[in-house]
Amino acid sequence: MIGIVLIGHACIASEMLKALEYVVGEQPLIDAIDVVTGQSPEELAKALDTRIRACDIGDGVLVLADMFGGTPCNVAMGTLAKGQVEVVSGFNLPLLVKAATLRSSAHDLAAFAEQVVEAGRMYMRIAPHGTRVRS
């Protein structure tokens, strides 16, 4: 099973993990790191490395960062290791749900990363006018 580590600004990583578990139930081998003011990149890198090792049972780990170019993503990119660690930025809940439900059957980490990115993109839509739900 591929492990997953979320990393993001403020509490977005831990809150997205809560949302994921609300939708699909408690998940093994998934962890989150919240990046708050005052943490050095070195401290974050050490914490991320620890979480990656804890979530890796030999099939690799997908690190999901909240925003490309931000500190969490920059730190995550320092962990890239072909076949062992892939990094995807810009996670959303559909992407997380897809990742959680596919990871036990995935065998290629890079292909898995591409699949979950596509799921994240597929569920971003502009709601068409005329479909307003009345309460």
Foldseek 3Di string as FASTA:
>chain_A
DAAEEEEEEACVFVVLQVVLCVVVNDAPRYYYDYDYPPDDLVNVLVVVVVSQVRSDPPQAYEYEYAAPPDSRQVSQVVVDDARHYHYDYNDDNQLVNLLRVCVVPDRGPVVSVVVSVVRRVVPDDDDDPPPDDDD
